[in-house]
Amino acid sequence: MTMTPDGFHVADDSSATDVGARYAQALFDLAVETNALPVVEADLKALEAMRAASADLRVLLRSPQFSAEDKGKGLAAIAEKAELSDTTRKFLGLLAANRRTLALEDIIKSFHRLVAARRGAVSAQVVTAVPLTDAQTASLAAALRTALGKDPEIETRVDPAILGGVKVRVGSRLYDASLKSKLDSLKFALKRA
């Protein structure tokens, strides 16, 4: 992790092997080949909203106590009730069979980055301590557009643990201007002194 002159901490984890990215790429390629990209993208957005809202679904995806078969049945029932496309349903079945349901969150994020890149945009995940106002979101989008030279597709998340400031992840790079990070750096510097 390095610090830029303007006080941001920047991490680059692009060299790490990422199961989520590989599965996302396979699903993306299949969706493009079958002209189902908008449908699969909508399915994954709905699935992510369900995952975020349901503690039971998160347990099903993460718990080793459920067999691959049980996870497959659970995901099939959810996909049917949510009326997800055949492509997405088959993909979820494959994830369960390969015991990769734990990677679903990363797969969805990677898939959205691929879709954004196809549109000529860049996907940015923004974490703040409090919700951003519309004006702050617009200002952040303008700053990212200037810095990156592409239109950002911003996904926001609130995490009070960062105390203040902002964390922005664009691709494999993390720009960390959170108060927690700055306090941690100060604490580390004081320990070394």
Protein backbone atom coordinates (compact mmCIF):
# COMPACT_ATOMS: atom_id res chain seq x y z
CA MET A 1 0.00 0.00 0.00
CA THR A 2 1.34 3.41 -0.93
CA MET A 3 0.28 6.95 -0.09
CA THR A 4 -0.32 9.51 -2.82
CA PRO A 5 0.77 13.16 -2.31
CA ASP A 6 -2.84 14.15 -1.60
CA GLY A 7 -3.09 11.78 1.38
CA PHE A 8 -4.84 8.81 -0.22
CA HIS A 9 -3.74 5.28 0.59
CA VAL A 10 -3.70 3.22 -2.61
CA ALA A 11 -3.64 -0.56 -2.72
CA ASP A 12 -3.38 -2.63 -5.88
CA ASP A 13 -4.46 -6.25 -5.61
CA SER A 14 -4.68 -6.96 -9.33
CA SER A 15 -2.08 -9.72 -9.19
CA ALA A 16 -4.17 -11.82 -6.81
CA THR A 17 -5.95 -14.78 -8.35
CA ASP A 18 -9.65 -14.17 -8.07
CA VAL A 19 -12.19 -16.95 -8.35
CA GLY A 20 -14.99 -14.39 -8.50
CA ALA A 21 -13.41 -12.63 -11.47
CA ARG A 22 -12.95 -15.89 -13.39
CA TYR A 23 -16.56 -16.98 -12.84
CA ALA A 24 -17.81 -13.48 -13.67
CA GLN A 25 -15.82 -13.51 -16.91
CA ALA A 26 -17.31 -16.88 -17.89
CA LEU A 27 -20.85 -15.68 -17.16
CA PHE A 28 -20.21 -12.40 -18.98
CA ASP A 29 -18.88 -14.21 -22.07
CA LEU A 30 -21.89 -16.55 -22.08
CA ALA A 31 -24.33 -13.64 -21.67
CA VAL A 32 -22.71 -11.76 -24.57
CA GLU A 33 -22.73 -14.87 -26.81
CA THR A 34 -26.41 -15.54 -26.11
CA ASN A 35 -27.45 -11.85 -26.32
CA ALA A 36 -28.64 -12.08 -22.71
CA LEU A 37 -26.37 -9.44 -21.16
CA PRO A 38 -29.09 -6.98 -20.05
CA VAL A 39 -31.21 -9.81 -18.61
CA VAL A 40 -28.33 -11.41 -16.71
CA GLU A 41 -27.21 -8.00 -15.44
CA ALA A 42 -30.72 -7.32 -14.11
CA ASP A 43 -30.83 -10.82 -12.56
CA LEU A 44 -27.55 -10.24 -10.73
CA LYS A 45 -28.69 -6.85 -9.45
CA ALA A 46 -31.85 -8.48 -8.10
CA LEU A 47 -29.84 -11.34 -6.62
CA GLU A 48 -27.44 -8.91 -4.93
CA ALA A 49 -30.37 -6.99 -3.43
CA MET A 50 -31.82 -10.27 -2.14
CA ARG A 51 -28.45 -11.30 -0.69
CA ALA A 52 -28.04 -7.94 1.03
CA ALA A 53 -31.58 -8.05 2.48
CA SER A 54 -31.71 -11.68 3.59
CA ALA A 55 -29.57 -13.03 6.42
CA ASP A 56 -30.91 -16.52 5.60
CA LEU A 57 -29.63 -16.29 2.03
CA ARG A 58 -26.21 -15.11 3.24
CA VAL A 59 -26.07 -18.10 5.62
CA LEU A 60 -27.05 -20.48 2.81
CA LEU A 61 -24.29 -19.10 0.57
CA ARG A 62 -21.57 -19.08 3.23
CA SER A 63 -22.27 -21.97 5.57
CA PRO A 64 -20.29 -25.19 5.11
CA GLN A 65 -23.09 -26.98 6.98
CA PHE A 66 -25.18 -27.04 3.78
CA SER A 67 -24.20 -29.53 1.11
CA ALA A 68 -23.68 -28.46 -2.49
CA GLU A 69 -26.96 -30.21 -3.30
CA ASP A 70 -28.85 -28.29 -0.59
CA LYS A 71 -27.36 -25.01 -1.75
CA GLY A 72 -28.31 -25.83 -5.33
CA LYS A 73 -31.90 -26.58 -4.32
CA GLY A 74 -32.11 -23.39 -2.26
CA LEU A 75 -30.72 -21.24 -5.05
CA ALA A 76 -32.99 -22.91 -7.61
CA ALA A 77 -36.03 -22.12 -5.46
CA ILE A 78 -34.93 -18.51 -5.06
CA ALA A 79 -34.23 -18.18 -8.78
CA GLU A 80 -37.64 -19.59 -9.67
CA LYS A 81 -39.49 -17.34 -7.23
CA ALA A 82 -37.54 -14.29 -8.46
CA GLU A 83 -38.16 -15.36 -12.09
CA LEU A 84 -34.47 -15.20 -12.99
CA SER A 85 -33.43 -16.11 -16.53
CA ASP A 86 -32.42 -19.64 -17.53
CA THR A 87 -28.81 -18.50 -17.99
CA THR A 88 -28.65 -17.15 -14.44
CA ARG A 89 -30.39 -20.22 -13.02
CA LYS A 90 -27.94 -22.58 -14.69
CA PHE A 91 -25.05 -20.44 -13.51
CA LEU A 92 -26.28 -20.56 -9.90
CA GLY A 93 -26.59 -24.34 -10.19
CA LEU A 94 -23.00 -24.52 -11.44
CA LEU A 95 -21.81 -22.36 -8.53
CA ALA A 96 -23.53 -24.65 -6.04
CA ALA A 97 -22.21 -27.82 -7.71
CA ASN A 98 -18.66 -26.44 -7.73
CA ARG A 99 -18.96 -25.28 -4.11
CA ARG A 100 -18.33 -21.65 -5.08
CA THR A 101 -21.42 -19.99 -3.59
CA LEU A 102 -19.17 -18.15 -1.15
CA ALA A 103 -17.78 -16.19 -4.12
CA LEU A 104 -21.20 -14.96 -5.33
CA GLU A 105 -20.74 -11.42 -3.97
CA ASP A 106 -17.34 -11.09 -5.71
CA ILE A 107 -18.75 -12.60 -8.90
CA ILE A 108 -21.55 -10.03 -9.01
CA LYS A 109 -19.13 -7.13 -8.41
CA SER A 110 -16.74 -8.40 -11.08
CA PHE A 111 -19.61 -8.92 -13.51
CA HIS A 112 -20.77 -5.32 -13.02
CA ARG A 113 -17.22 -4.08 -13.67
CA LEU A 114 -17.14 -6.05 -16.93
CA VAL A 115 -20.50 -4.63 -18.01
CA ALA A 116 -19.38 -1.10 -17.13
CA ALA A 117 -16.17 -1.55 -19.15
CA ARG A 118 -18.20 -2.77 -22.13
CA ARG A 119 -20.27 0.43 -21.93
CA GLY A 120 -17.09 2.50 -21.84
CA ALA A 121 -17.67 3.38 -18.20
CA VAL A 122 -15.81 2.42 -15.06
CA SER A 123 -17.37 0.84 -12.00
CA ALA A 124 -16.56 2.51 -8.68
CA GLN A 125 -17.50 1.20 -5.25
CA VAL A 126 -17.72 4.04 -2.74
CA VAL A 127 -17.80 3.53 1.03
CA THR A 128 -18.68 6.41 3.35
CA ALA A 129 -19.45 6.70 7.06
CA VAL A 130 -22.81 8.39 6.37
CA PRO A 131 -25.05 8.34 3.28
CA LEU A 132 -24.03 10.76 0.54
CA THR A 133 -26.44 13.48 -0.55
CA ASP A 134 -27.34 13.76 -4.23
CA ALA A 135 -25.06 16.80 -4.52
CA GLN A 136 -22.13 14.91 -2.93
CA THR A 137 -22.70 11.93 -5.24
CA ALA A 138 -22.76 14.24 -8.29
CA SER A 139 -19.57 15.98 -7.11
CA LEU A 140 -17.85 12.64 -6.54
CA ALA A 141 -18.94 11.41 -9.99
CA ALA A 142 -17.54 14.58 -11.58
CA ALA A 143 -14.23 14.17 -9.73
CA LEU A 144 -13.97 10.51 -10.77
CA ARG A 145 -14.86 11.38 -14.38
CA THR A 146 -12.04 13.94 -14.42
CA ALA A 147 -9.52 11.65 -12.73
CA LEU A 148 -10.32 8.51 -14.72
CA GLY A 149 -11.32 9.97 -18.08
CA LYS A 150 -14.40 7.74 -18.13
CA ASP A 151 -17.93 7.95 -16.82
CA PRO A 152 -18.17 6.25 -13.44
CA GLU A 153 -20.98 3.91 -12.45
CA ILE A 154 -21.04 4.48 -8.71
CA GLU A 155 -22.21 1.93 -6.16
CA THR A 156 -22.36 3.37 -2.64
CA ARG A 157 -22.27 1.64 0.72
CA VAL A 158 -22.37 3.05 4.23
CA ASP A 159 -19.89 1.74 6.80
CA PRO A 160 -19.79 3.73 10.06
CA ALA A 161 -16.56 1.92 11.02
CA ILE A 162 -14.52 4.19 8.69
CA LEU A 163 -15.52 7.12 10.96
CA GLY A 164 -15.43 9.73 8.17
CA GLY A 165 -13.98 10.45 4.76
CA VAL A 166 -14.35 8.11 1.82
CA LYS A 167 -12.97 4.89 0.32
CA VAL A 168 -13.25 4.43 -3.44
CA ARG A 169 -12.45 1.16 -5.22
CA VAL A 170 -12.01 1.35 -8.98
CA GLY A 171 -11.10 -2.01 -10.44
CA SER A 172 -8.27 -3.42 -8.35
CA ARG A 173 -7.21 -0.04 -6.94
CA LEU A 174 -8.40 1.27 -3.59
CA TYR A 175 -8.22 5.00 -2.80
CA ASP A 176 -8.54 5.30 0.96
CA ALA A 177 -9.15 8.76 2.39
CA SER A 178 -11.07 7.50 5.40
CA LEU A 179 -10.55 8.98 8.84
CA LYS A 180 -9.93 5.49 10.25
CA SER A 181 -7.07 4.92 7.81
CA LYS A 182 -5.52 8.28 8.64
CA LEU A 183 -5.79 7.58 12.38
CA ASP A 184 -4.24 4.14 11.88
CA SER A 185 -1.34 5.74 9.97
CA LEU A 186 -0.85 8.29 12.72
CA LYS A 187 -0.94 5.56 15.38
CA PHE A 188 1.66 3.55 13.44
CA ALA A 189 3.88 6.62 13.06
CA LEU A 190 3.64 7.37 16.78
CA LYS A 191 4.59 3.78 17.65
CA ARG A 192 7.70 4.03 15.47
CA ALA A 193 8.76 7.34 17.03
